[in-house]
Amino acid sequence: MAGHSTPHFQNDAGHAAIDIGVREFMCVGANPPQDHPHVYIDMGDDDQKVCPYCSTLYRHDPTLKADETRPAGCLYIDKAA
């Protein structure tokens, strides 16, 4: 993903799984101040990976864009940016 920003995802609603359109991303847990350390996750050749902090299961779905999630609304947007 050189030359691109790494998308960040959050799970305020406590979904068991979130489908995303990328294999490299950051998980922030919930929105601040309930977030956990922002952890970089690389799925590699796998189609899913669990966040070691919040246990959210992220599943790669190539039909989604980098800023799309299923369920919707799990893209984290830093309000300070």
PDB file of N, CA and C in Angstrom:
ATOM      1  N   MET A   1       0.822  -1.191   0.000  1.00  0.00           N
ATOM      2  CA  MET A   1       0.000   0.000   0.000  1.00  0.00           C
ATOM      3  C   MET A   1       0.867   1.256   0.000  1.00  0.00           C
ATOM      4  N   ALA A   2       2.056   1.164  -0.511  1.00  0.00           N
ATOM      5  CA  ALA A   2       2.963   2.306  -0.543  1.00  0.00           C
ATOM      6  C   ALA A   2       2.292   3.473  -1.254  1.00  0.00           C
ATOM      7  N   GLY A   3       2.466   4.673  -0.685  1.00  0.00           N
ATOM      8  CA  GLY A   3       1.892   5.857  -1.276  1.00  0.00           C
ATOM      9  C   GLY A   3       0.442   6.086  -0.897  1.00  0.00           C
ATOM     10  N   HIS A   4      -0.120   5.214  -0.114  1.00  0.00           N
ATOM     11  CA  HIS A   4      -1.511   5.341   0.319  1.00  0.00           C
ATOM     12  C   HIS A   4      -1.539   5.401   1.839  1.00  0.00           C
ATOM     13  N   SER A   5      -2.573   6.059   2.361  1.00  0.00           N
ATOM     14  CA  SER A   5      -2.721   6.036   3.811  1.00  0.00           C
ATOM     15  C   SER A   5      -3.367   4.718   4.218  1.00  0.00           C
ATOM     16  N   THR A   6      -3.056   4.281   5.404  1.00  0.00           N
ATOM     17  CA  THR A   6      -3.601   3.031   5.923  1.00  0.00           C
ATOM     18  C   THR A   6      -4.964   3.308   6.560  1.00  0.00           C
ATOM     19  N   PRO A   7      -6.028   2.646   6.097  1.00  0.00           N
ATOM     20  CA  PRO A   7      -7.339   2.892   6.692  1.00  0.00           C
ATOM     21  C   PRO A   7      -7.390   2.398   8.137  1.00  0.00           C
ATOM     22  N   HIS A   8      -8.155   3.106   8.940  1.00  0.00           N
ATOM     23  CA  HIS A   8      -8.366   2.762  10.345  1.00  0.00           C
ATOM     24  C   HIS A   8      -9.821   2.371  10.516  1.00  0.00           C
ATOM     25  N   PHE A   9     -10.049   1.313  11.302  1.00  0.00           N
ATOM     26  CA  PHE A   9     -11.409   0.854  11.548  1.00  0.00           C
ATOM     27  C   PHE A   9     -11.686   0.811  13.045  1.00  0.00           C
ATOM     28  N   GLN A  10     -12.959   1.028  13.413  1.00  0.00           N
ATOM     29  CA  GLN A  10     -13.386   1.002  14.809  1.00  0.00           C
ATOM     30  C   GLN A  10     -14.625   0.128  14.921  1.00  0.00           C
ATOM     31  N   ASN A  11     -14.902  -0.296  16.145  1.00  0.00           N
ATOM     32  CA  ASN A  11     -16.026  -1.200  16.375  1.00  0.00           C
ATOM     33  C   ASN A  11     -16.833  -0.756  17.592  1.00  0.00           C
ATOM     34  N   ASP A  12     -17.368   0.454  17.531  1.00  0.00           N
ATOM     35  CA  ASP A  12     -18.183   0.979  18.638  1.00  0.00           C
ATOM     36  C   ASP A  12     -19.395   0.105  18.943  1.00  0.00           C
ATOM     37  N   ALA A  13     -19.972  -0.491  17.913  1.00  0.00           N
ATOM     38  CA  ALA A  13     -21.203  -1.261  18.087  1.00  0.00           C
ATOM     39  C   ALA A  13     -20.955  -2.671  18.613  1.00  0.00           C
ATOM     40  N   GLY A  14     -19.704  -3.090  18.687  1.00  0.00           N
ATOM     41  CA  GLY A  14     -19.397  -4.417  19.209  1.00  0.00           C
ATOM     42  C   GLY A  14     -19.752  -5.553  18.259  1.00  0.00           C
ATOM     43  N   HIS A  15     -19.614  -5.319  16.952  1.00  0.00           N
ATOM     44  CA  HIS A  15     -19.876  -6.365  15.964  1.00  0.00           C
ATOM     45  C   HIS A  15     -18.904  -7.523  16.169  1.00  0.00           C
ATOM     46  N   ALA A  16     -19.368  -8.723  15.958  1.00  0.00           N
ATOM     47  CA  ALA A  16     -18.493  -9.896  16.055  1.00  0.00           C
ATOM     48  C   ALA A  16     -17.512  -9.931  14.895  1.00  0.00           C
ATOM     49  N   ALA A  17     -17.943  -9.457  13.722  1.00  0.00           N
ATOM     50  CA  ALA A  17     -17.092  -9.460  12.533  1.00  0.00           C
ATOM     51  C   ALA A  17     -17.381  -8.228  11.685  1.00  0.00           C
ATOM     52  N   ILE A  18     -16.343  -7.744  11.011  1.00  0.00           N
ATOM     53  CA  ILE A  18     -16.462  -6.609  10.105  1.00  0.00           C
ATOM     54  C   ILE A  18     -15.784  -6.988   8.799  1.00  0.00           C
ATOM     55  N   ASP A  19     -16.495  -6.833   7.700  1.00  0.00           N
ATOM     56  CA  ASP A  19     -15.932  -7.073   6.377  1.00  0.00           C
ATOM     57  C   ASP A  19     -15.315  -5.777   5.871  1.00  0.00           C
ATOM     58  N   ILE A  20     -14.101  -5.865   5.330  1.00  0.00           N
ATOM     59  CA  ILE A  20     -13.378  -4.694   4.852  1.00  0.00           C
ATOM     60  C   ILE A  20     -12.764  -5.000   3.484  1.00  0.00           C
ATOM     61  N   GLY A  21     -12.397  -3.951   2.751  1.00  0.00           N
ATOM     62  CA  GLY A  21     -11.880  -4.122   1.401  1.00  0.00           C
ATOM     63  C   GLY A  21     -10.369  -4.072   1.294  1.00  0.00           C
ATOM     64  N   VAL A  22      -9.666  -4.141   2.417  1.00  0.00           N
ATOM     65  CA  VAL A  22      -8.197  -4.095   2.415  1.00  0.00           C
ATOM     66  C   VAL A  22      -7.653  -5.223   3.280  1.00  0.00           C
ATOM     67  N   ARG A  23      -6.380  -5.525   3.072  1.00  0.00           N
ATOM     68  CA  ARG A  23      -5.720  -6.557   3.881  1.00  0.00           C
ATOM     69  C   ARG A  23      -4.748  -5.954   4.893  1.00  0.00           C
ATOM     70  N   GLU A  24      -4.429  -4.667   4.754  1.00  0.00           N
ATOM     71  CA  GLU A  24      -3.535  -3.963   5.683  1.00  0.00           C
ATOM     72  C   GLU A  24      -4.293  -2.771   6.234  1.00  0.00           C
ATOM     73  N   PHE A  25      -4.369  -2.673   7.571  1.00  0.00           N
ATOM     74  CA  PHE A  25      -5.203  -1.639   8.182  1.00  0.00           C
ATOM     75  C   PHE A  25      -4.812  -1.459   9.641  1.00  0.00           C
ATOM     76  N   MET A  26      -5.432  -0.483  10.283  1.00  0.00           N
ATOM     77  CA  MET A  26      -5.265  -0.245  11.716  1.00  0.00           C
ATOM     78  C   MET A  26      -6.612  -0.472  12.394  1.00  0.00           C
ATOM     79  N   CYS A  27      -6.576  -1.122  13.553  1.00  0.00           N
ATOM     80  CA  CYS A  27      -7.763  -1.252  14.392  1.00  0.00           C
ATOM     81  C   CYS A  27      -7.563  -0.341  15.596  1.00  0.00           C
ATOM     82  N   VAL A  28      -8.576   0.460  15.905  1.00  0.00           N
ATOM     83  CA  VAL A  28      -8.502   1.363  17.052  1.00  0.00           C
ATOM     84  C   VAL A  28      -9.431   0.924  18.180  1.00  0.00           C
ATOM     85  N   GLY A  29     -10.146  -0.182  17.978  1.00  0.00           N
ATOM     86  CA  GLY A  29     -11.116  -0.619  18.986  1.00  0.00           C
ATOM     87  C   GLY A  29     -12.382   0.186  18.830  1.00  0.00           C
ATOM     88  N   ALA A  30     -12.736   0.945  19.831  1.00  0.00           N
ATOM     89  CA  ALA A  30     -13.879   1.852  19.769  1.00  0.00           C
ATOM     90  C   ALA A  30     -13.349   3.270  19.560  1.00  0.00           C
ATOM     91  N   ASN A  31     -14.246   4.188  19.326  1.00  0.00           N
ATOM     92  CA  ASN A  31     -13.830   5.585  19.193  1.00  0.00           C
ATOM     93  C   ASN A  31     -13.291   6.099  20.524  1.00  0.00           C
ATOM     94  N   PRO A  32     -12.318   7.015  20.483  1.00  0.00           N
ATOM     95  CA  PRO A  32     -11.787   7.584  21.723  1.00  0.00           C
ATOM     96  C   PRO A  32     -12.907   8.202  22.548  1.00  0.00           C
ATOM     97  N   PRO A  33     -12.858   8.136  23.837  1.00  0.00           N
ATOM     98  CA  PRO A  33     -11.735   7.683  24.658  1.00  0.00           C
ATOM     99  C   PRO A  33     -11.784   6.200  24.998  1.00  0.00           C
ATOM    100  N   GLN A  34     -12.668   5.429  24.368  1.00  0.00           N
ATOM    101  CA  GLN A  34     -12.757   4.000  24.651  1.00  0.00           C
ATOM    102  C   GLN A  34     -11.884   3.163  23.706  1.00  0.00           C
ATOM    103  N   ASP A  35     -10.963   3.799  23.019  1.00  0.00           N
ATOM    104  CA  ASP A  35     -10.117   3.076  22.075  1.00  0.00           C
ATOM    105  C   ASP A  35      -9.034   2.281  22.785  1.00  0.00           C
ATOM    106  N   HIS A  36      -8.417   1.366  22.050  1.00  0.00           N
ATOM    107  CA  HIS A  36      -7.257   0.633  22.551  1.00  0.00           C
ATOM    108  C   HIS A  36      -6.045   1.105  21.751  1.00  0.00           C
ATOM    109  N   PRO A  37      -4.835   0.690  22.078  1.00  0.00           N
ATOM    110  CA  PRO A  37      -3.689   1.090  21.255  1.00  0.00           C
ATOM    111  C   PRO A  37      -3.971   0.778  19.787  1.00  0.00           C
ATOM    112  N   HIS A  38      -3.683   1.729  18.936  1.00  0.00           N
ATOM    113  CA  HIS A  38      -3.944   1.547  17.514  1.00  0.00           C
ATOM    114  C   HIS A  38      -2.940   0.548  16.962  1.00  0.00           C
ATOM    115  N   VAL A  39      -3.460  -0.596  16.526  1.00  0.00           N
ATOM    116  CA  VAL A  39      -2.608  -1.713  16.128  1.00  0.00           C
ATOM    117  C   VAL A  39      -2.697  -1.925  14.620  1.00  0.00           C
ATOM    118  N   TYR A  40      -1.519  -2.071  13.997  1.00  0.00           N
ATOM    119  CA  TYR A  40      -1.433  -2.364  12.570  1.00  0.00           C
ATOM    120  C   TYR A  40      -1.666  -3.856  12.366  1.00  0.00           C
ATOM    121  N   ILE A  41      -2.546  -4.183  11.443  1.00  0.00           N
ATOM    122  CA  ILE A  41      -2.852  -5.586  11.151  1.00  0.00           C
ATOM    123  C   ILE A  41      -2.645  -5.831   9.660  1.00  0.00           C
ATOM    124  N   ASP A  42      -1.900  -6.875   9.352  1.00  0.00           N
ATOM    125  CA  ASP A  42      -1.653  -7.282   7.974  1.00  0.00           C
ATOM    126  C   ASP A  42      -2.156  -8.712   7.823  1.00  0.00           C
ATOM    127  N   MET A  43      -3.165  -8.913   6.994  1.00  0.00           N
ATOM    128  CA  MET A  43      -3.725 -10.246   6.795  1.00  0.00           C
ATOM    129  C   MET A  43      -2.805 -11.150   5.975  1.00  0.00           C
ATOM    130  N   GLY A  44      -1.879 -10.555   5.251  1.00  0.00           N
ATOM    131  CA  GLY A  44      -1.036 -11.367   4.381  1.00  0.00           C
ATOM    132  C   GLY A  44      -1.900 -12.081   3.351  1.00  0.00           C
ATOM    133  N   ASP A  45      -1.718 -13.376   3.214  1.00  0.00           N
ATOM    134  CA  ASP A  45      -2.509 -14.167   2.265  1.00  0.00           C
ATOM    135  C   ASP A  45      -3.816 -14.675   2.853  1.00  0.00           C
ATOM    136  N   ASP A  46      -4.037 -14.422   4.142  1.00  0.00           N
ATOM    137  CA  ASP A  46      -5.265 -14.883   4.794  1.00  0.00           C
ATOM    138  C   ASP A  46      -6.441 -13.994   4.407  1.00  0.00           C
ATOM    139  N   ASP A  47      -7.634 -14.495   4.575  1.00  0.00           N
ATOM    140  CA  ASP A  47      -8.845 -13.734   4.288  1.00  0.00           C
ATOM    141  C   ASP A  47      -9.480 -13.151   5.538  1.00  0.00           C
ATOM    142  N   GLN A  48      -8.901 -13.441   6.699  1.00  0.00           N
ATOM    143  CA  GLN A  48      -9.437 -12.883   7.940  1.00  0.00           C
ATOM    144  C   GLN A  48      -8.347 -12.816   8.995  1.00  0.00           C
ATOM    145  N   LYS A  49      -8.561 -11.925   9.953  1.00  0.00           N
ATOM    146  CA  LYS A  49      -7.604 -11.752  11.049  1.00  0.00           C
ATOM    147  C   LYS A  49      -8.357 -11.168  12.230  1.00  0.00           C
ATOM    148  N   VAL A  50      -7.971 -11.597  13.440  1.00  0.00           N
ATOM    149  CA  VAL A  50      -8.593 -11.120  14.669  1.00  0.00           C
ATOM    150  C   VAL A  50      -7.693 -10.074  15.314  1.00  0.00           C
ATOM    151  N   CYS A  51      -8.285  -8.963  15.755  1.00  0.00           N
ATOM    152  CA  CYS A  51      -7.523  -7.941  16.471  1.00  0.00           C
ATOM    153  C   CYS A  51      -7.107  -8.502  17.827  1.00  0.00           C
ATOM    154  N   PRO A  52      -5.820  -8.422  18.176  1.00  0.00           N
ATOM    155  CA  PRO A  52      -5.362  -8.978  19.446  1.00  0.00           C
ATOM    156  C   PRO A  52      -5.844  -8.203  20.676  1.00  0.00           C
ATOM    157  N   TYR A  53      -6.345  -6.990  20.497  1.00  0.00           N
ATOM    158  CA  TYR A  53      -6.816  -6.193  21.629  1.00  0.00           C
ATOM    159  C   TYR A  53      -8.312  -6.343  21.880  1.00  0.00           C
ATOM    160  N   CYS A  54      -9.127  -6.170  20.826  1.00  0.00           N
ATOM    161  CA  CYS A  54     -10.584  -6.153  21.026  1.00  0.00           C
ATOM    162  C   CYS A  54     -11.283  -7.404  20.503  1.00  0.00           C
ATOM    163  N   SER A  55     -10.535  -8.303  19.891  1.00  0.00           N
ATOM    164  CA  SER A  55     -11.052  -9.572  19.372  1.00  0.00           C
ATOM    165  C   SER A  55     -12.057  -9.423  18.231  1.00  0.00           C
ATOM    166  N   THR A  56     -12.073  -8.265  17.579  1.00  0.00           N
ATOM    167  CA  THR A  56     -12.917  -8.106  16.395  1.00  0.00           C
ATOM    168  C   THR A  56     -12.340  -8.947  15.264  1.00  0.00           C
ATOM    169  N   LEU A  57     -13.187  -9.712  14.600  1.00  0.00           N
ATOM    170  CA  LEU A  57     -12.783 -10.490  13.444  1.00  0.00           C
ATOM    171  C   LEU A  57     -12.957  -9.610  12.213  1.00  0.00           C
ATOM    172  N   TYR A  58     -11.854  -9.359  11.506  1.00  0.00           N
ATOM    173  CA  TYR A  58     -11.888  -8.611  10.255  1.00  0.00           C
ATOM    174  C   TYR A  58     -11.782  -9.604   9.110  1.00  0.00           C
ATOM    175  N   ARG A  59     -12.702  -9.476   8.138  1.00  0.00           N
ATOM    176  CA  ARG A  59     -12.716 -10.374   6.978  1.00  0.00           C
ATOM    177  C   ARG A  59     -12.533  -9.552   5.706  1.00  0.00           C
ATOM    178  N   HIS A  60     -11.617 -10.004   4.859  1.00  0.00           N
ATOM    179  CA  HIS A  60     -11.378  -9.309   3.599  1.00  0.00           C
ATOM    180  C   HIS A  60     -12.480  -9.644   2.598  1.00  0.00           C
ATOM    181  N   ASP A  61     -13.055  -8.605   1.994  1.00  0.00           N
ATOM    182  CA  ASP A  61     -14.054  -8.752   0.943  1.00  0.00           C
ATOM    183  C   ASP A  61     -13.596  -7.879  -0.222  1.00  0.00           C
ATOM    184  N   PRO A  62     -13.083  -8.477  -1.290  1.00  0.00           N
ATOM    185  CA  PRO A  62     -12.536  -7.700  -2.401  1.00  0.00           C
ATOM    186  C   PRO A  62     -13.572  -6.860  -3.141  1.00  0.00           C
ATOM    187  N   THR A  63     -14.856  -7.055  -2.878  1.00  0.00           N
ATOM    188  CA  THR A  63     -15.879  -6.236  -3.529  1.00  0.00           C
ATOM    189  C   THR A  63     -16.048  -4.889  -2.838  1.00  0.00           C
ATOM    190  N   LEU A  64     -15.464  -4.725  -1.639  1.00  0.00           N
ATOM    191  CA  LEU A  64     -15.554  -3.462  -0.906  1.00  0.00           C
ATOM    192  C   LEU A  64     -14.366  -2.571  -1.241  1.00  0.00           C
ATOM    193  N   LYS A  65     -14.580  -1.262  -1.215  1.00  0.00           N
ATOM    194  CA  LYS A  65     -13.494  -0.294  -1.391  1.00  0.00           C
ATOM    195  C   LYS A  65     -12.736  -0.161  -0.074  1.00  0.00           C
ATOM    196  N   ALA A  66     -11.572   0.484  -0.126  1.00  0.00           N
ATOM    197  CA  ALA A  66     -10.722   0.623   1.060  1.00  0.00           C
ATOM    198  C   ALA A  66     -11.422   1.355   2.204  1.00  0.00           C
ATOM    199  N   ASP A  67     -12.370   2.227   1.893  1.00  0.00           N
ATOM    200  CA  ASP A  67     -13.051   3.001   2.940  1.00  0.00           C
ATOM    201  C   ASP A  67     -14.469   2.498   3.214  1.00  0.00           C
ATOM    202  N   GLU A  68     -14.786   1.281   2.764  1.00  0.00           N
ATOM    203  CA  GLU A  68     -16.110   0.709   2.994  1.00  0.00           C
ATOM    204  C   GLU A  68     -16.030  -0.436   3.996  1.00  0.00           C
ATOM    205  N   THR A  69     -17.075  -0.591   4.780  1.00  0.00           N
ATOM    206  CA  THR A  69     -17.170  -1.710   5.720  1.00  0.00           C
ATOM    207  C   THR A  69     -18.573  -2.293   5.665  1.00  0.00           C
ATOM    208  N   ARG A  70     -18.671  -3.530   6.052  1.00  0.00           N
ATOM    209  CA  ARG A  70     -19.965  -4.189   6.212  1.00  0.00           C
ATOM    210  C   ARG A  70     -19.950  -4.861   7.565  1.00  0.00           C
ATOM    211  N   PRO A  71     -20.731  -4.465   8.518  1.00  0.00           N
ATOM    212  CA  PRO A  71     -21.747  -3.418   8.466  1.00  0.00           C
ATOM    213  C   PRO A  71     -21.116  -2.035   8.272  1.00  0.00           C
ATOM    214  N   ALA A  72     -21.919  -1.149   7.726  1.00  0.00           N
ATOM    215  CA  ALA A  72     -21.441   0.211   7.460  1.00  0.00           C
ATOM    216  C   ALA A  72     -21.143   0.949   8.763  1.00  0.00           C
ATOM    217  N   GLY A  73     -20.302   1.977   8.654  1.00  0.00           N
ATOM    218  CA  GLY A  73     -20.043   2.847   9.791  1.00  0.00           C
ATOM    219  C   GLY A  73     -18.859   2.461  10.661  1.00  0.00           C
ATOM    220  N   CYS A  74     -18.015   1.542  10.217  1.00  0.00           N
ATOM    221  CA  CYS A  74     -16.887   1.103  11.028  1.00  0.00           C
ATOM    222  C   CYS A  74     -15.557   1.729  10.607  1.00  0.00           C
ATOM    223  N   LEU A  75     -15.576   2.622   9.637  1.00  0.00           N
ATOM    224  CA  LEU A  75     -14.368   3.354   9.259  1.00  0.00           C
ATOM    225  C   LEU A  75     -14.111   4.425  10.307  1.00  0.00           C
ATOM    226  N   TYR A  76     -12.907   4.461  10.856  1.00  0.00           N
ATOM    227  CA  TYR A  76     -12.558   5.480  11.846  1.00  0.00           C
ATOM    228  C   TYR A  76     -12.024   6.701  11.130  1.00  0.00           C
ATOM    229  N   ILE A  77     -12.565   7.861  11.453  1.00  0.00           N
ATOM    230  CA  ILE A  77     -12.114   9.121  10.895  1.00  0.00           C
ATOM    231  C   ILE A  77     -11.645   9.996  12.039  1.00  0.00           C
ATOM    232  N   ASP A  78     -10.362  10.335  12.034  1.00  0.00           N
ATOM    233  CA  ASP A  78      -9.776  11.158  13.085  1.00  0.00           C
ATOM    234  C   ASP A  78     -10.306  12.575  12.934  1.00  0.00           C
ATOM    235  N   LYS A  79     -11.026  13.043  13.921  1.00  0.00           N
ATOM    236  CA  LYS A  79     -11.642  14.360  13.857  1.00  0.00           C
ATOM    237  C   LYS A  79     -10.614  15.486  13.867  1.00  0.00           C
ATOM    238  N   ALA A  80      -9.390  15.193  14.328  1.00  0.00           N
ATOM    239  CA  ALA A  80      -8.344  16.206  14.367  1.00  0.00           C
ATOM    240  C   ALA A  80      -7.650  16.354  13.024  1.00  0.00           C
ATOM    241  N   ALA A  81      -7.840  15.412  12.132  1.00  0.00           N
ATOM    242  CA  ALA A  81      -7.134  15.438  10.838  1.00  0.00           C
ATOM    243  C   ALA A  81      -7.778  16.373   9.852  1.00  0.00           C
TER     244      ALA A  81
END
